[in-house]
Amino acid sequence: MIHRLVLALVAALAAAPVAAQQVESTYTDLDLNACSVVNSDDFGTTWTCSGYKGIPVMVAEGDLRFFVSYGLHAPTEKAAEQTPPPFNRLGPRIEWRMSNAEGGWKPFATILRFFVADAEDSSKEHQLLVVTRLGTGTTCHVAYVDATANADANELARDAADDLVPGFDCVDEPEIVGDFKAWDN
C-alpha cells in the first residue's frame, strides 16, 4: 500500500508544473562621476561603469539622449542603440531582476528610470521605467512603463521583466505597459 502511495505521489509531482522560479531584486548606483570615460567628443560621451558583481554597464550620451547597455559586448548590443525618443536623463539607480533558475542567482533584466522631456512643456518631465533584457546578443529594451502615469509603476516594471523577458525577441519593439503619456506612441 505504501509503495502505491509513493508511486502515486511521484507521478503527481512529475505531472505537476514546475514551481515558479524565485525572483528577487538587487540595486546598484549609477553615478557617471564614478565611471570611466571611454570616449568624448563634440557629439557626446561614452562611459563604462561597474554594475552588479562587476557586470559592465555602458552609458552613452548624444543629442541630449542617453543609451544604456550591459555586458561584455555592451557596445554591440541592441540596447546600445535604444533610447526613449524625447530628450532624457538617467535616474541614479539600476534595479537588477535576478533569478535562481540555473543553480545560482543570475540577473536576467534591469529596470532603469529615465526622466524624459515633455513634448508640449519643456519645463516638465515624465518619469519612465525602461525594462532591459540581459544576455549576450539579446540585450535590448523590452518594455516602457510611464512612472508618472501609473501609481504602481515599479510593480508593473517588475512584472514586465519577469513575464516578458523570457520570451522576448529583440527584433520586436518594446511593449508599452500600463497607462502611457510620456510621448505620443
N, C-alpha and C. Protein backbone atom coordinates (compact mmCIF):
# COMPACT_ATOMS: atom_id res chain seq x y z
N MET A 1 0.82 -1.19 0.00
CA MET A 1 0.00 0.00 0.00
C MET A 1 0.87 1.27 0.00
N ILE A 2 1.90 1.29 0.86
CA ILE A 2 2.79 2.44 0.92
C ILE A 2 3.52 2.61 -0.41
N HIS A 3 3.90 1.48 -1.01
CA HIS A 3 4.58 1.53 -2.31
C HIS A 3 3.71 2.22 -3.35
N ARG A 4 2.39 1.89 -3.38
CA ARG A 4 1.47 2.53 -4.34
C ARG A 4 1.33 4.02 -4.04
N LEU A 5 1.28 4.38 -2.77
CA LEU A 5 1.16 5.77 -2.37
C LEU A 5 2.39 6.57 -2.82
N VAL A 6 3.57 6.00 -2.62
CA VAL A 6 4.81 6.66 -3.04
C VAL A 6 4.83 6.81 -4.56
N LEU A 7 4.44 5.77 -5.29
CA LEU A 7 4.39 5.85 -6.75
C LEU A 7 3.39 6.90 -7.21
N ALA A 8 2.24 6.97 -6.56
CA ALA A 8 1.23 7.96 -6.92
C ALA A 8 1.75 9.37 -6.65
N LEU A 9 2.43 9.54 -5.52
CA LEU A 9 2.99 10.84 -5.18
C LEU A 9 4.06 11.26 -6.18
N VAL A 10 4.95 10.34 -6.54
CA VAL A 10 5.99 10.63 -7.53
C VAL A 10 5.37 10.98 -8.87
N ALA A 11 4.36 10.24 -9.29
CA ALA A 11 3.68 10.53 -10.56
C ALA A 11 3.01 11.89 -10.53
N ALA A 12 2.38 12.22 -9.41
CA ALA A 12 1.71 13.52 -9.30
C ALA A 12 2.72 14.66 -9.35
N LEU A 13 3.85 14.49 -8.66
CA LEU A 13 4.87 15.53 -8.69
C LEU A 13 5.48 15.69 -10.08
N ALA A 14 5.65 14.60 -10.79
CA ALA A 14 6.22 14.67 -12.14
C ALA A 14 5.27 15.35 -13.10
N ALA A 15 3.97 15.17 -12.88
CA ALA A 15 2.98 15.76 -13.78
C ALA A 15 2.67 17.21 -13.42
N ALA A 16 2.96 17.59 -12.17
CA ALA A 16 2.66 18.96 -11.73
C ALA A 16 3.59 19.94 -12.41
N PRO A 17 3.11 21.17 -12.68
CA PRO A 17 4.01 22.17 -13.28
C PRO A 17 5.15 22.48 -12.32
N VAL A 18 6.28 22.82 -12.90
CA VAL A 18 7.44 23.18 -12.10
C VAL A 18 7.11 24.44 -11.32
N ALA A 19 7.48 24.44 -10.07
CA ALA A 19 7.22 25.62 -9.23
C ALA A 19 7.86 26.84 -9.87
N ALA A 20 7.19 27.96 -9.72
CA ALA A 20 7.72 29.20 -10.29
C ALA A 20 9.10 29.47 -9.71
N GLN A 21 10.00 29.90 -10.56
CA GLN A 21 11.35 30.18 -10.10
C GLN A 21 11.32 31.41 -9.20
N GLN A 22 12.23 31.45 -8.28
CA GLN A 22 12.32 32.54 -7.35
C GLN A 22 12.99 33.73 -8.04
N VAL A 23 12.41 34.91 -7.87
CA VAL A 23 12.94 36.12 -8.49
C VAL A 23 13.04 37.19 -7.41
N GLU A 24 14.16 37.88 -7.42
CA GLU A 24 14.39 38.97 -6.47
C GLU A 24 15.04 40.14 -7.18
N SER A 25 15.11 41.26 -6.47
CA SER A 25 15.79 42.44 -6.99
C SER A 25 16.98 42.80 -6.12
N THR A 26 17.98 43.36 -6.77
CA THR A 26 19.09 43.99 -6.07
C THR A 26 19.36 45.30 -6.81
N TYR A 27 20.06 46.21 -6.18
CA TYR A 27 20.23 47.55 -6.74
C TYR A 27 21.69 47.96 -6.75
N THR A 28 22.06 48.72 -7.77
CA THR A 28 23.37 49.36 -7.81
C THR A 28 23.19 50.82 -8.19
N ASP A 29 24.11 51.64 -7.72
CA ASP A 29 24.07 53.07 -8.06
C ASP A 29 24.59 53.27 -9.48
N LEU A 30 24.08 54.29 -10.13
CA LEU A 30 24.59 54.70 -11.44
C LEU A 30 25.02 56.16 -11.31
N ASP A 31 26.30 56.34 -11.07
CA ASP A 31 26.89 57.67 -10.88
C ASP A 31 27.96 57.85 -11.95
N LEU A 32 27.67 58.63 -12.96
CA LEU A 32 28.61 58.80 -14.06
C LEU A 32 29.94 59.40 -13.60
N ASN A 33 29.95 60.12 -12.49
CA ASN A 33 31.20 60.66 -11.95
C ASN A 33 32.11 59.55 -11.43
N ALA A 34 31.55 58.39 -11.13
CA ALA A 34 32.34 57.25 -10.64
C ALA A 34 32.69 56.28 -11.77
N CYS A 35 32.27 56.59 -12.98
CA CYS A 35 32.51 55.74 -14.15
C CYS A 35 33.73 56.24 -14.92
N SER A 36 34.23 55.41 -15.81
CA SER A 36 35.37 55.80 -16.65
C SER A 36 34.88 56.31 -18.00
N VAL A 37 35.43 57.42 -18.44
CA VAL A 37 35.10 57.95 -19.76
C VAL A 37 35.86 57.13 -20.79
N VAL A 38 35.13 56.56 -21.74
CA VAL A 38 35.74 55.76 -22.81
C VAL A 38 36.03 56.64 -24.01
N ASN A 39 35.10 57.55 -24.29
CA ASN A 39 35.22 58.40 -25.46
C ASN A 39 34.44 59.68 -25.20
N SER A 40 34.96 60.80 -25.66
CA SER A 40 34.25 62.06 -25.53
C SER A 40 34.67 62.97 -26.67
N ASP A 41 33.66 63.54 -27.32
CA ASP A 41 33.93 64.48 -28.40
C ASP A 41 32.77 65.47 -28.47
N ASP A 42 32.71 66.25 -29.52
CA ASP A 42 31.66 67.27 -29.66
C ASP A 42 30.26 66.66 -29.79
N PHE A 43 30.18 65.38 -30.11
CA PHE A 43 28.88 64.74 -30.36
C PHE A 43 28.35 63.97 -29.16
N GLY A 44 29.18 63.74 -28.14
CA GLY A 44 28.70 63.04 -26.96
C GLY A 44 29.82 62.37 -26.19
N THR A 45 29.41 61.62 -25.18
CA THR A 45 30.36 60.94 -24.30
C THR A 45 29.89 59.51 -24.07
N THR A 46 30.85 58.62 -23.91
CA THR A 46 30.56 57.23 -23.56
C THR A 46 31.33 56.88 -22.30
N TRP A 47 30.63 56.29 -21.34
CA TRP A 47 31.22 55.87 -20.09
C TRP A 47 31.11 54.36 -19.96
N THR A 48 31.99 53.78 -19.15
CA THR A 48 31.83 52.40 -18.72
C THR A 48 31.77 52.42 -17.20
N CYS A 49 30.77 51.72 -16.69
CA CYS A 49 30.52 51.69 -15.25
C CYS A 49 30.47 50.24 -14.79
N SER A 50 30.59 50.07 -13.51
CA SER A 50 30.52 48.73 -12.94
C SER A 50 29.12 48.52 -12.36
N GLY A 51 28.46 47.45 -12.81
CA GLY A 51 27.13 47.12 -12.31
C GLY A 51 27.19 46.00 -11.30
N TYR A 52 26.11 45.27 -11.18
CA TYR A 52 26.00 44.17 -10.22
C TYR A 52 27.14 43.18 -10.43
N LYS A 53 27.89 42.91 -9.37
CA LYS A 53 29.03 41.98 -9.38
C LYS A 53 29.99 42.26 -10.54
N GLY A 54 30.18 43.55 -10.86
CA GLY A 54 31.14 43.93 -11.88
C GLY A 54 30.65 43.83 -13.31
N ILE A 55 29.38 43.51 -13.52
CA ILE A 55 28.85 43.46 -14.90
C ILE A 55 29.05 44.83 -15.54
N PRO A 56 29.67 44.87 -16.71
CA PRO A 56 29.87 46.17 -17.37
C PRO A 56 28.54 46.85 -17.75
N VAL A 57 28.48 48.13 -17.47
CA VAL A 57 27.34 48.97 -17.86
C VAL A 57 27.91 50.06 -18.74
N MET A 58 27.45 50.11 -20.00
CA MET A 58 27.90 51.15 -20.92
C MET A 58 26.82 52.22 -21.00
N VAL A 59 27.22 53.44 -20.78
CA VAL A 59 26.30 54.58 -20.87
C VAL A 59 26.86 55.51 -21.94
N ALA A 60 26.02 55.90 -22.86
CA ALA A 60 26.43 56.85 -23.90
C ALA A 60 25.41 57.99 -23.94
N GLU A 61 25.91 59.18 -24.21
CA GLU A 61 25.04 60.34 -24.35
C GLU A 61 25.33 60.99 -25.68
N GLY A 62 24.27 61.30 -26.40
CA GLY A 62 24.38 62.01 -27.66
C GLY A 62 23.06 62.68 -27.99
N ASP A 63 23.10 63.89 -28.48
CA ASP A 63 21.89 64.63 -28.85
C ASP A 63 20.91 64.72 -27.68
N LEU A 64 21.44 64.92 -26.47
CA LEU A 64 20.65 65.07 -25.25
C LEU A 64 19.80 63.84 -24.92
N ARG A 65 20.27 62.67 -25.33
CA ARG A 65 19.60 61.40 -25.04
C ARG A 65 20.64 60.41 -24.53
N PHE A 66 20.21 59.55 -23.60
CA PHE A 66 21.10 58.54 -23.04
C PHE A 66 20.76 57.15 -23.55
N PHE A 67 21.80 56.37 -23.74
CA PHE A 67 21.70 54.98 -24.20
C PHE A 67 22.43 54.14 -23.15
N VAL A 68 21.83 53.02 -22.72
CA VAL A 68 22.45 52.19 -21.69
C VAL A 68 22.42 50.74 -22.16
N SER A 69 23.57 50.09 -22.09
CA SER A 69 23.66 48.68 -22.46
C SER A 69 24.51 47.95 -21.42
N TYR A 70 24.44 46.64 -21.44
CA TYR A 70 25.04 45.85 -20.37
C TYR A 70 25.83 44.68 -20.94
N GLY A 71 26.84 44.25 -20.18
CA GLY A 71 27.58 43.04 -20.50
C GLY A 71 28.91 43.32 -21.20
N LEU A 72 29.65 42.23 -21.42
CA LEU A 72 30.96 42.34 -22.06
C LEU A 72 30.88 42.86 -23.49
N HIS A 73 29.75 42.65 -24.15
CA HIS A 73 29.58 43.09 -25.54
C HIS A 73 28.59 44.27 -25.61
N ALA A 74 28.49 45.04 -24.53
CA ALA A 74 27.53 46.13 -24.44
C ALA A 74 27.49 47.05 -25.67
N PRO A 75 28.63 47.47 -26.22
CA PRO A 75 28.58 48.40 -27.35
C PRO A 75 27.93 47.82 -28.61
N THR A 76 27.90 46.48 -28.74
CA THR A 76 27.33 45.88 -29.95
C THR A 76 25.93 45.35 -29.73
N GLU A 77 25.40 45.47 -28.53
CA GLU A 77 24.05 45.00 -28.24
C GLU A 77 23.02 46.02 -28.75
N LYS A 78 21.81 45.55 -29.00
CA LYS A 78 20.75 46.43 -29.49
C LYS A 78 20.47 47.57 -28.50
N ALA A 79 20.56 47.27 -27.21
CA ALA A 79 20.29 48.30 -26.20
C ALA A 79 21.20 49.52 -26.36
N ALA A 80 22.39 49.33 -26.91
CA ALA A 80 23.33 50.43 -27.11
C ALA A 80 22.81 51.45 -28.12
N GLU A 81 21.79 51.06 -28.88
CA GLU A 81 21.20 51.96 -29.89
C GLU A 81 19.79 52.39 -29.52
N GLN A 82 19.30 51.98 -28.35
CA GLN A 82 17.93 52.28 -27.97
C GLN A 82 17.89 53.34 -26.88
N THR A 83 16.95 54.27 -27.02
CA THR A 83 16.71 55.30 -26.02
C THR A 83 15.28 55.78 -26.20
N PRO A 84 14.64 56.25 -25.15
CA PRO A 84 13.33 56.88 -25.34
C PRO A 84 13.48 58.06 -26.29
N PRO A 85 12.50 58.28 -27.16
CA PRO A 85 12.63 59.34 -28.18
C PRO A 85 12.84 60.76 -27.66
N PRO A 86 12.14 61.19 -26.58
CA PRO A 86 12.37 62.58 -26.14
C PRO A 86 13.76 62.75 -25.52
N PHE A 87 14.19 64.01 -25.41
CA PHE A 87 15.40 64.30 -24.66
C PHE A 87 15.24 63.66 -23.29
N ASN A 88 16.36 63.14 -22.73
CA ASN A 88 16.21 62.44 -21.47
C ASN A 88 17.49 62.50 -20.65
N ARG A 89 17.34 62.08 -19.40
CA ARG A 89 18.47 61.91 -18.49
C ARG A 89 18.17 60.68 -17.65
N LEU A 90 19.22 60.17 -16.98
CA LEU A 90 19.10 58.91 -16.25
C LEU A 90 18.84 59.11 -14.76
N GLY A 91 18.14 58.14 -14.20
CA GLY A 91 17.99 58.07 -12.75
C GLY A 91 19.27 57.53 -12.12
N PRO A 92 19.36 57.60 -10.78
CA PRO A 92 20.61 57.27 -10.10
C PRO A 92 20.80 55.80 -9.70
N ARG A 93 19.81 54.93 -9.97
CA ARG A 93 19.94 53.53 -9.53
C ARG A 93 19.44 52.58 -10.60
N ILE A 94 20.09 51.42 -10.66
CA ILE A 94 19.66 50.34 -11.55
C ILE A 94 19.10 49.23 -10.69
N GLU A 95 17.91 48.78 -11.02
CA GLU A 95 17.33 47.60 -10.37
C GLU A 95 17.66 46.40 -11.24
N TRP A 96 18.27 45.38 -10.64
CA TRP A 96 18.63 44.16 -11.34
C TRP A 96 17.65 43.08 -10.93
N ARG A 97 16.90 42.52 -11.89
CA ARG A 97 15.99 41.40 -11.60
C ARG A 97 16.80 40.12 -11.71
N MET A 98 16.74 39.32 -10.65
CA MET A 98 17.59 38.14 -10.52
C MET A 98 16.72 36.89 -10.39
N SER A 99 17.21 35.81 -10.99
CA SER A 99 16.53 34.52 -10.91
C SER A 99 17.53 33.47 -10.43
N ASN A 100 17.02 32.49 -9.70
CA ASN A 100 17.89 31.39 -9.27
C ASN A 100 17.65 30.15 -10.11
N ALA A 101 17.18 30.34 -11.33
CA ALA A 101 16.78 29.23 -12.20
C ALA A 101 17.93 28.31 -12.58
N GLU A 102 19.13 28.79 -12.65
CA GLU A 102 20.25 27.99 -13.14
C GLU A 102 21.23 27.64 -12.03
N GLY A 103 20.72 27.38 -10.83
CA GLY A 103 21.58 26.95 -9.75
C GLY A 103 22.32 28.05 -9.03
N GLY A 104 22.03 29.28 -9.30
CA GLY A 104 22.65 30.42 -8.64
C GLY A 104 21.94 31.68 -9.08
N TRP A 105 22.05 32.72 -8.31
CA TRP A 105 21.37 33.97 -8.66
C TRP A 105 22.06 34.62 -9.85
N LYS A 106 21.27 34.90 -10.87
CA LYS A 106 21.81 35.50 -12.10
C LYS A 106 20.84 36.57 -12.58
N PRO A 107 21.35 37.77 -12.90
CA PRO A 107 20.46 38.82 -13.41
C PRO A 107 19.99 38.50 -14.83
N PHE A 108 18.71 38.71 -15.08
CA PHE A 108 18.15 38.49 -16.41
C PHE A 108 17.55 39.77 -17.00
N ALA A 109 17.39 40.82 -16.17
CA ALA A 109 16.81 42.07 -16.66
C ALA A 109 17.22 43.21 -15.72
N THR A 110 17.12 44.43 -16.25
CA THR A 110 17.32 45.61 -15.42
C THR A 110 16.10 46.52 -15.60
N ILE A 111 15.92 47.36 -14.60
CA ILE A 111 14.91 48.42 -14.67
C ILE A 111 15.63 49.71 -14.32
N LEU A 112 15.57 50.67 -15.22
CA LEU A 112 16.27 51.93 -15.03
C LEU A 112 15.30 53.08 -15.29
N ARG A 113 15.29 54.04 -14.38
CA ARG A 113 14.42 55.21 -14.52
C ARG A 113 15.08 56.24 -15.42
N PHE A 114 14.34 56.67 -16.42
CA PHE A 114 14.74 57.79 -17.28
C PHE A 114 13.80 58.95 -16.97
N PHE A 115 14.31 60.15 -17.03
CA PHE A 115 13.50 61.35 -16.95
C PHE A 115 13.44 61.90 -18.36
N VAL A 116 12.24 61.93 -18.95
CA VAL A 116 12.09 62.33 -20.35
C VAL A 116 11.36 63.66 -20.43
N ALA A 117 11.79 64.49 -21.37
CA ALA A 117 11.19 65.81 -21.56
C ALA A 117 9.76 65.69 -22.07
N ASP A 118 8.91 66.55 -21.55
CA ASP A 118 7.53 66.63 -22.03
C ASP A 118 7.53 67.34 -23.38
N ALA A 119 6.85 66.76 -24.35
CA ALA A 119 6.85 67.30 -25.71
C ALA A 119 6.18 68.67 -25.80
N GLU A 120 5.20 68.91 -24.92
CA GLU A 120 4.45 70.17 -25.01
C GLU A 120 4.94 71.25 -24.05
N ASP A 121 5.59 70.85 -22.96
CA ASP A 121 6.05 71.81 -21.96
C ASP A 121 7.45 71.42 -21.52
N SER A 122 8.45 72.11 -22.03
CA SER A 122 9.84 71.75 -21.76
C SER A 122 10.23 71.90 -20.29
N SER A 123 9.41 72.57 -19.48
CA SER A 123 9.72 72.70 -18.06
C SER A 123 9.26 71.47 -17.27
N LYS A 124 8.58 70.55 -17.93
CA LYS A 124 8.07 69.34 -17.26
C LYS A 124 8.81 68.10 -17.77
N GLU A 125 8.86 67.10 -16.91
CA GLU A 125 9.46 65.81 -17.28
C GLU A 125 8.50 64.69 -16.89
N HIS A 126 8.58 63.61 -17.64
CA HIS A 126 7.91 62.37 -17.28
C HIS A 126 8.98 61.43 -16.75
N GLN A 127 8.57 60.55 -15.84
CA GLN A 127 9.49 59.51 -15.38
C GLN A 127 9.10 58.22 -16.09
N LEU A 128 10.07 57.60 -16.68
CA LEU A 128 9.85 56.40 -17.47
C LEU A 128 10.75 55.29 -16.96
N LEU A 129 10.17 54.11 -16.70
CA LEU A 129 10.96 52.95 -16.31
C LEU A 129 11.21 52.12 -17.56
N VAL A 130 12.49 51.86 -17.84
CA VAL A 130 12.87 51.08 -19.01
C VAL A 130 13.33 49.70 -18.54
N VAL A 131 12.63 48.68 -19.02
CA VAL A 131 12.97 47.29 -18.71
C VAL A 131 13.86 46.77 -19.83
N THR A 132 15.05 46.31 -19.48
CA THR A 132 16.01 45.82 -20.47
C THR A 132 16.34 44.36 -20.20
N ARG A 133 16.27 43.58 -21.25
CA ARG A 133 16.65 42.17 -21.18
C ARG A 133 18.17 42.07 -21.20
N LEU A 134 18.74 41.13 -20.45
CA LEU A 134 20.18 40.90 -20.42
C LEU A 134 20.52 39.57 -21.06
N GLY A 135 21.62 39.53 -21.78
CA GLY A 135 22.10 38.29 -22.37
C GLY A 135 22.96 38.60 -23.58
N THR A 136 23.99 37.84 -23.78
CA THR A 136 24.87 38.06 -24.92
C THR A 136 24.07 37.92 -26.21
N GLY A 137 24.04 38.98 -26.99
CA GLY A 137 23.29 39.00 -28.24
C GLY A 137 21.80 39.26 -28.07
N THR A 138 21.34 39.39 -26.83
CA THR A 138 19.91 39.60 -26.58
C THR A 138 19.66 40.70 -25.56
N THR A 139 20.56 41.65 -25.47
CA THR A 139 20.36 42.77 -24.55
C THR A 139 19.62 43.87 -25.29
N CYS A 140 18.38 44.10 -24.87
CA CYS A 140 17.53 45.08 -25.57
C CYS A 140 16.41 45.55 -24.66
N HIS A 141 15.79 46.67 -25.04
CA HIS A 141 14.63 47.17 -24.32
C HIS A 141 13.46 46.23 -24.57
N VAL A 142 12.77 45.90 -23.49
CA VAL A 142 11.62 45.01 -23.56
C VAL A 142 10.32 45.76 -23.31
N ALA A 143 10.35 46.70 -22.36
CA ALA A 143 9.11 47.40 -22.00
C ALA A 143 9.41 48.81 -21.49
N TYR A 144 8.41 49.68 -21.68
CA TYR A 144 8.44 51.02 -21.15
C TYR A 144 7.22 51.18 -20.23
N VAL A 145 7.45 51.70 -19.02
CA VAL A 145 6.36 51.96 -18.07
C VAL A 145 6.44 53.43 -17.69
N ASP A 146 5.38 54.16 -17.93
CA ASP A 146 5.32 55.58 -17.59
C ASP A 146 5.08 55.70 -16.08
N ALA A 147 6.13 56.03 -15.33
CA ALA A 147 6.02 56.12 -13.87
C ALA A 147 5.23 57.34 -13.43
N THR A 148 5.08 58.32 -14.30
CA THR A 148 4.29 59.49 -13.98
C THR A 148 2.80 59.17 -14.08
N ALA A 149 2.42 58.30 -14.99
CA ALA A 149 1.01 57.98 -15.24
C ALA A 149 0.50 56.77 -14.46
N ASN A 150 1.39 56.00 -13.84
CA ASN A 150 0.98 54.78 -13.13
C ASN A 150 1.49 54.80 -11.69
N ALA A 151 0.58 54.79 -10.74
CA ALA A 151 0.96 54.80 -9.33
C ALA A 151 1.73 53.54 -8.95
N ASP A 152 1.48 52.44 -9.64
CA ASP A 152 2.13 51.16 -9.35
C ASP A 152 3.21 50.84 -10.39
N ALA A 153 3.89 51.86 -10.88
CA ALA A 153 4.85 51.70 -11.98
C ALA A 153 5.97 50.72 -11.66
N ASN A 154 6.49 50.76 -10.46
CA ASN A 154 7.59 49.85 -10.12
C ASN A 154 7.13 48.40 -10.21
N GLU A 155 5.95 48.11 -9.70
CA GLU A 155 5.43 46.75 -9.77
C GLU A 155 5.13 46.36 -11.22
N LEU A 156 4.60 47.28 -12.00
CA LEU A 156 4.36 46.99 -13.43
C LEU A 156 5.67 46.67 -14.14
N ALA A 157 6.72 47.41 -13.83
CA ALA A 157 8.02 47.17 -14.47
C ALA A 157 8.59 45.82 -14.05
N ARG A 158 8.46 45.48 -12.76
CA ARG A 158 8.95 44.17 -12.30
C ARG A 158 8.17 43.04 -12.97
N ASP A 159 6.85 43.20 -13.04
CA ASP A 159 6.03 42.17 -13.71
C ASP A 159 6.40 42.04 -15.18
N ALA A 160 6.65 43.17 -15.84
CA ALA A 160 7.06 43.14 -17.25
C ALA A 160 8.39 42.40 -17.39
N ALA A 161 9.33 42.68 -16.50
CA ALA A 161 10.63 41.99 -16.56
C ALA A 161 10.43 40.50 -16.38
N ASP A 162 9.67 40.12 -15.37
CA ASP A 162 9.50 38.71 -15.04
C ASP A 162 8.71 37.95 -16.10
N ASP A 163 7.69 38.61 -16.66
CA ASP A 163 6.79 37.93 -17.59
C ASP A 163 7.20 38.04 -19.06
N LEU A 164 7.73 39.18 -19.47
CA LEU A 164 8.00 39.42 -20.89
C LEU A 164 9.42 39.03 -21.32
N VAL A 165 10.39 39.20 -20.44
CA VAL A 165 11.79 38.97 -20.82
C VAL A 165 12.04 37.55 -21.33
N PRO A 166 11.54 36.50 -20.65
CA PRO A 166 11.90 35.14 -21.10
C PRO A 166 11.57 34.83 -22.57
N GLY A 167 10.48 35.33 -23.08
CA GLY A 167 10.11 35.02 -24.46
C GLY A 167 10.29 36.17 -25.43
N PHE A 168 10.93 37.26 -24.98
CA PHE A 168 11.00 38.46 -25.82
C PHE A 168 12.06 38.30 -26.90
N ASP A 169 11.69 38.66 -28.12
CA ASP A 169 12.60 38.66 -29.26
C ASP A 169 13.05 40.10 -29.48
N CYS A 170 14.33 40.34 -29.45
CA CYS A 170 14.86 41.70 -29.58
C CYS A 170 14.59 42.34 -30.94
N VAL A 171 14.04 41.59 -31.86
CA VAL A 171 13.62 42.15 -33.14
C VAL A 171 12.36 43.00 -32.94
N ASP A 172 11.56 42.64 -31.91
CA ASP A 172 10.31 43.34 -31.63
C ASP A 172 10.55 44.69 -30.98
N GLU A 173 9.56 45.56 -31.10
CA GLU A 173 9.60 46.86 -30.42
C GLU A 173 9.27 46.65 -28.95
N PRO A 174 9.82 47.49 -28.06
CA PRO A 174 9.46 47.39 -26.65
C PRO A 174 7.95 47.58 -26.45
N GLU A 175 7.40 46.86 -25.48
CA GLU A 175 5.98 46.96 -25.18
C GLU A 175 5.73 48.14 -24.25
N ILE A 176 4.58 48.79 -24.45
CA ILE A 176 4.12 49.84 -23.54
C ILE A 176 3.27 49.13 -22.50
N VAL A 177 3.58 49.32 -21.22
CA VAL A 177 2.86 48.66 -20.14
C VAL A 177 2.16 49.71 -19.29
N GLY A 178 0.86 49.53 -19.05
CA GLY A 178 0.09 50.46 -18.23
C GLY A 178 -0.32 51.70 -19.00
N ASP A 179 -0.80 52.70 -18.27
CA ASP A 179 -1.16 53.98 -18.88
C ASP A 179 0.12 54.64 -19.38
N PHE A 180 0.02 55.35 -20.49
CA PHE A 180 1.22 55.91 -21.08
C PHE A 180 0.96 57.29 -21.64
N LYS A 181 1.68 58.28 -21.12
CA LYS A 181 1.55 59.67 -21.57
C LYS A 181 2.91 60.32 -21.81
N ALA A 182 3.98 59.51 -21.72
CA ALA A 182 5.34 60.06 -21.80
C ALA A 182 5.62 60.73 -23.14
N TRP A 183 5.08 60.18 -24.22
CA TRP A 183 5.18 60.77 -25.54
C TRP A 183 4.10 60.14 -26.41
N ASP A 184 3.88 60.72 -27.56
CA ASP A 184 2.89 60.14 -28.48
C ASP A 184 3.46 58.86 -29.04
N ASN A 185 2.75 57.76 -28.83
CA ASN A 185 3.25 56.47 -29.32
C ASN A 185 2.37 55.89 -30.38
